[in-house]
Amino acid sequence: MPRTLPEPSVDSFDLTVILSALADPGRRTLMRALYESVDPIDCAILVARVDLGLSNPTISHHYRVLREAGLTRTVADGRKRVVRVRREEVERRFPGLLKAILGADERMEGREVDAGR
């Protein structure tokens, strides 16, 4: 029987906790891939697509930090974990935050390319 793992309520979202969760480049990479996906996605499939080069325990830790910050919702069904961004909830509490942060790396990469010309 599928069950949703514990997550904070929208009212208890803490901006400092969210920003701390997104400060790690690996977590930002996971979040960007999740954010770009319209549908919930199996954690293992996402990791295979993104290829972070991290150990499974480290990846599990990153997923947990994102969930405990309130950024994602994880549904467990046996050993399978399906995750999605809590897009509407985060947007309601902190309008524009995810778009601003998850697009920041792309903007920075563009600057590095431009600077090298």
C-alpha atoms as a PDB file:
ATOM      1  CA  MET A   1       0.000   0.000   0.000  1.00  0.00           C
ATOM      2  CA  PRO A   2       1.546   3.363  -1.051  1.00  0.00           C
ATOM      3  CA  ARG A   3       2.188   5.897   1.698  1.00  0.00           C
ATOM      4  CA  THR A   4       3.333   9.504   1.667  1.00  0.00           C
ATOM      5  CA  LEU A   5       6.499  10.082   3.676  1.00  0.00           C
ATOM      6  CA  PRO A   6       6.425  12.790   6.378  1.00  0.00           C
ATOM      7  CA  GLU A   7       6.730  16.360   5.120  1.00  0.00           C
ATOM      8  CA  PRO A   8       6.197  19.799   6.642  1.00  0.00           C
ATOM      9  CA  SER A   9       2.938  21.672   6.188  1.00  0.00           C
ATOM     10  CA  VAL A  10       2.933  24.765   4.001  1.00  0.00           C
ATOM     11  CA  ASP A  11       2.463  26.943   7.095  1.00  0.00           C
ATOM     12  CA  SER A  12       5.663  25.578   8.601  1.00  0.00           C
ATOM     13  CA  PHE A  13       7.879  26.146   5.534  1.00  0.00           C
ATOM     14  CA  ASP A  14      11.043  27.920   6.662  1.00  0.00           C
ATOM     15  CA  LEU A  15      12.863  29.988   4.045  1.00  0.00           C
ATOM     16  CA  THR A  16      16.226  29.397   5.719  1.00  0.00           C
ATOM     17  CA  VAL A  17      15.727  25.615   5.626  1.00  0.00           C
ATOM     18  CA  ILE A  18      14.643  25.737   1.980  1.00  0.00           C
ATOM     19  CA  LEU A  19      17.600  27.886   0.955  1.00  0.00           C
ATOM     20  CA  SER A  20      19.961  25.624   2.874  1.00  0.00           C
ATOM     21  CA  ALA A  21      18.539  22.566   1.109  1.00  0.00           C
ATOM     22  CA  LEU A  22      19.015  24.233  -2.269  1.00  0.00           C
ATOM     23  CA  ALA A  23      22.544  25.471  -1.473  1.00  0.00           C
ATOM     24  CA  ASP A  24      24.040  22.071  -2.329  1.00  0.00           C
ATOM     25  CA  PRO A  25      24.799  21.691  -6.073  1.00  0.00           C
ATOM     26  CA  GLY A  26      23.731  18.027  -6.104  1.00  0.00           C
ATOM     27  CA  ARG A  27      20.366  18.829  -4.541  1.00  0.00           C
ATOM     28  CA  ARG A  28      19.879  21.729  -6.962  1.00  0.00           C
ATOM     29  CA  THR A  29      20.580  19.363  -9.849  1.00  0.00           C
ATOM     30  CA  LEU A  30      17.989  16.889  -8.516  1.00  0.00           C
ATOM     31  CA  MET A  31      15.473  19.685  -7.929  1.00  0.00           C
ATOM     32  CA  ARG A  32      15.991  21.134 -11.401  1.00  0.00           C
ATOM     33  CA  ALA A  33      15.348  17.720 -12.975  1.00  0.00           C
ATOM     34  CA  LEU A  34      12.255  17.251 -10.800  1.00  0.00           C
ATOM     35  CA  TYR A  35      11.042  20.790 -11.498  1.00  0.00           C
ATOM     36  CA  GLU A  36      11.342  20.246 -15.248  1.00  0.00           C
ATOM     37  CA  SER A  37       9.307  17.031 -15.004  1.00  0.00           C
ATOM     38  CA  VAL A  38       5.563  17.598 -15.163  1.00  0.00           C
ATOM     39  CA  ASP A  39       4.727  14.204 -13.646  1.00  0.00           C
ATOM     40  CA  PRO A  40       5.967  12.523 -10.479  1.00  0.00           C
ATOM     41  CA  ILE A  41       9.031  10.389 -11.198  1.00  0.00           C
ATOM     42  CA  ASP A  42      10.646   7.290  -9.692  1.00  0.00           C
ATOM     43  CA  CYS A  43      13.726   8.330  -7.692  1.00  0.00           C
ATOM     44  CA  ALA A  44      15.893   5.606  -9.256  1.00  0.00           C
ATOM     45  CA  ILE A  45      14.932   6.607 -12.807  1.00  0.00           C
ATOM     46  CA  LEU A  46      15.685  10.258 -12.115  1.00  0.00           C
ATOM     47  CA  VAL A  47      19.107   9.454 -10.645  1.00  0.00           C
ATOM     48  CA  ALA A  48      19.956   7.306 -13.681  1.00  0.00           C
ATOM     49  CA  ARG A  49      19.069  10.252 -15.963  1.00  0.00           C
ATOM     50  CA  VAL A  50      20.937  12.877 -13.975  1.00  0.00           C
ATOM     51  CA  ASP A  51      24.037  10.762 -13.093  1.00  0.00           C
ATOM     52  CA  LEU A  52      25.379  12.758 -10.152  1.00  0.00           C
ATOM     53  CA  GLY A  53      28.259  10.358  -9.559  1.00  0.00           C
ATOM     54  CA  LEU A  54      27.301  10.035  -5.876  1.00  0.00           C
ATOM     55  CA  SER A  55      26.742   6.961  -3.719  1.00  0.00           C
ATOM     56  CA  ASN A  56      23.204   5.686  -3.140  1.00  0.00           C
ATOM     57  CA  PRO A  57      23.261   6.669   0.557  1.00  0.00           C
ATOM     58  CA  THR A  58      24.289  10.227  -0.387  1.00  0.00           C
ATOM     59  CA  ILE A  59      21.535  10.460  -2.997  1.00  0.00           C
ATOM     60  CA  SER A  60      18.986   9.151  -0.463  1.00  0.00           C
ATOM     61  CA  HIS A  61      20.204  11.807   1.969  1.00  0.00           C
ATOM     62  CA  HIS A  62      19.705  14.531  -0.675  1.00  0.00           C
ATOM     63  CA  TYR A  63      16.147  13.344  -1.367  1.00  0.00           C
ATOM     64  CA  ARG A  64      15.412  13.349   2.386  1.00  0.00           C
ATOM     65  CA  VAL A  65      16.771  16.883   2.857  1.00  0.00           C
ATOM     66  CA  LEU A  66      14.616  18.162  -0.012  1.00  0.00           C
ATOM     67  CA  ARG A  67      11.533  16.407   1.392  1.00  0.00           C
ATOM     68  CA  GLU A  68      12.113  17.607   4.971  1.00  0.00           C
ATOM     69  CA  ALA A  69      12.544  21.172   3.693  1.00  0.00           C
ATOM     70  CA  GLY A  70       9.084  20.862   2.126  1.00  0.00           C
ATOM     71  CA  LEU A  71      10.274  21.072  -1.467  1.00  0.00           C
ATOM     72  CA  THR A  72       9.223  17.578  -2.542  1.00  0.00           C
ATOM     73  CA  ARG A  73       6.559  14.983  -1.810  1.00  0.00           C
ATOM     74  CA  THR A  74       7.647  11.340  -1.759  1.00  0.00           C
ATOM     75  CA  VAL A  75       5.282   8.390  -2.021  1.00  0.00           C
ATOM     76  CA  ALA A  76       6.725   5.033  -0.979  1.00  0.00           C
ATOM     77  CA  ASP A  77       5.396   1.782  -2.406  1.00  0.00           C
ATOM     78  CA  GLY A  78       7.535  -1.034  -1.077  1.00  0.00           C
ATOM     79  CA  ARG A  79      11.113  -0.183  -2.107  1.00  0.00           C
ATOM     80  CA  LYS A  80       9.962   2.142  -4.881  1.00  0.00           C
ATOM     81  CA  ARG A  81       9.919   5.887  -4.195  1.00  0.00           C
ATOM     82  CA  VAL A  82       8.053   8.324  -6.439  1.00  0.00           C
ATOM     83  CA  VAL A  83       8.840  11.989  -5.939  1.00  0.00           C
ATOM     84  CA  ARG A  84       7.464  15.289  -7.203  1.00  0.00           C
ATOM     85  CA  VAL A  85       8.065  18.959  -6.492  1.00  0.00           C
ATOM     86  CA  ARG A  86       5.527  20.602  -4.207  1.00  0.00           C
ATOM     87  CA  ARG A  87       5.425  23.360  -6.787  1.00  0.00           C
ATOM     88  CA  GLU A  88       2.031  24.877  -5.940  1.00  0.00           C
ATOM     89  CA  GLU A  89       2.635  24.810  -2.186  1.00  0.00           C
ATOM     90  CA  VAL A  90       6.085  26.432  -2.415  1.00  0.00           C
ATOM     91  CA  GLU A  91       4.791  29.001  -4.917  1.00  0.00           C
ATOM     92  CA  ARG A  92       1.896  29.890  -2.602  1.00  0.00           C
ATOM     93  CA  ARG A  93       4.265  30.454   0.345  1.00  0.00           C
ATOM     94  CA  PHE A  94       7.254  31.940  -1.526  1.00  0.00           C
ATOM     95  CA  PRO A  95       6.137  33.202  -4.962  1.00  0.00           C
ATOM     96  CA  GLY A  96       8.829  32.950  -7.654  1.00  0.00           C
ATOM     97  CA  LEU A  97      11.416  31.319  -5.392  1.00  0.00           C
ATOM     98  CA  LEU A  98      11.893  28.028  -7.246  1.00  0.00           C
ATOM     99  CA  LYS A  99      12.017  29.653 -10.658  1.00  0.00           C
ATOM    100  CA  ALA A 100      14.548  32.202  -9.442  1.00  0.00           C
ATOM    101  CA  ILE A 101      16.854  29.652  -7.813  1.00  0.00           C
ATOM    102  CA  LEU A 102      16.583  26.791 -10.260  1.00  0.00           C
ATOM    103  CA  GLY A 103      17.214  29.099 -13.195  1.00  0.00           C
ATOM    104  CA  ALA A 104      20.228  30.754 -11.499  1.00  0.00           C
ATOM    105  CA  ASP A 105      22.743  28.037 -12.411  1.00  0.00           C
ATOM    106  CA  GLU A 106      21.759  28.228 -16.074  1.00  0.00           C
ATOM    107  CA  ARG A 107      22.263  31.991 -16.031  1.00  0.00           C
ATOM    108  CA  MET A 108      25.667  31.583 -14.357  1.00  0.00           C
ATOM    109  CA  GLU A 109      26.746  28.936 -16.877  1.00  0.00           C
ATOM    110  CA  GLY A 110      25.839  31.355 -19.650  1.00  0.00           C
ATOM    111  CA  ARG A 111      28.011  34.047 -18.057  1.00  0.00           C
ATOM    112  CA  GLU A 112      30.970  31.678 -17.812  1.00  0.00           C
ATOM    113  CA  VAL A 113      30.616  30.818 -21.488  1.00  0.00           C
ATOM    114  CA  ASP A 114      30.286  34.500 -22.416  1.00  0.00           C
ATOM    115  CA  ALA A 115      33.312  35.409 -20.279  1.00  0.00           C
ATOM    116  CA  GLY A 116      35.420  32.821 -22.109  1.00  0.00           C
ATOM    117  CA  ARG A 117      34.796  34.363 -25.542  1.00  0.00           C
END
